[in-house]
Amino acid sequence: MPPGILFMPGRLILLAGPNGAGKTTLYQTRVVPG
């Protein structure tokens, strides 16, 4: 996945994470507390 996802809020992660809903949740959890 592109590094831009880390800079973008959790909302964009959902749109940029069509590969797997399970992985999207893990990325969102990292962005929220970070």
Protein backbone atom coordinates (compact mmCIF):
# COMPACT_ATOMS: atom_id res chain seq x y z
CA MET A 1 0.00 0.00 0.00
CA PRO A 2 1.23 3.55 -0.73
CA PRO A 3 2.72 5.55 2.16
CA GLY A 4 0.14 8.26 1.61
CA ILE A 5 -2.37 6.15 3.53
CA LEU A 6 -0.40 6.69 6.74
CA PHE A 7 -0.59 10.47 6.30
CA MET A 8 -4.30 10.43 5.48
CA PRO A 9 -7.05 10.09 8.11
CA GLY A 10 -8.86 6.82 8.83
CA ARG A 11 -11.69 7.80 6.51
CA LEU A 12 -9.47 7.69 3.43
CA ILE A 13 -7.95 4.41 4.59
CA LEU A 14 -11.35 2.76 4.16
CA LEU A 15 -11.48 3.96 0.54
CA ALA A 16 -7.84 3.10 -0.13
CA GLY A 17 -8.09 -0.34 1.47
CA PRO A 18 -10.34 -2.33 -0.89
CA ASN A 19 -7.90 -5.26 -0.76
CA GLY A 20 -9.17 -6.50 2.59
CA ALA A 21 -11.63 -5.21 5.18
CA GLY A 22 -9.70 -6.96 7.96
CA LYS A 23 -6.47 -5.15 7.04
CA THR A 24 -8.30 -1.84 6.76
CA THR A 25 -9.30 -2.11 10.43
CA LEU A 26 -5.68 -2.68 11.48
CA TYR A 27 -4.49 0.37 9.54
CA GLN A 28 -7.29 2.56 10.90
CA THR A 29 -6.43 1.56 14.49
CA ARG A 30 -2.82 2.63 13.92
CA VAL A 31 -3.78 6.00 12.45
CA VAL A 32 -6.35 6.91 15.12
CA PRO A 33 -4.00 6.68 18.16
CA GLY A 34 -1.05 7.89 16.10
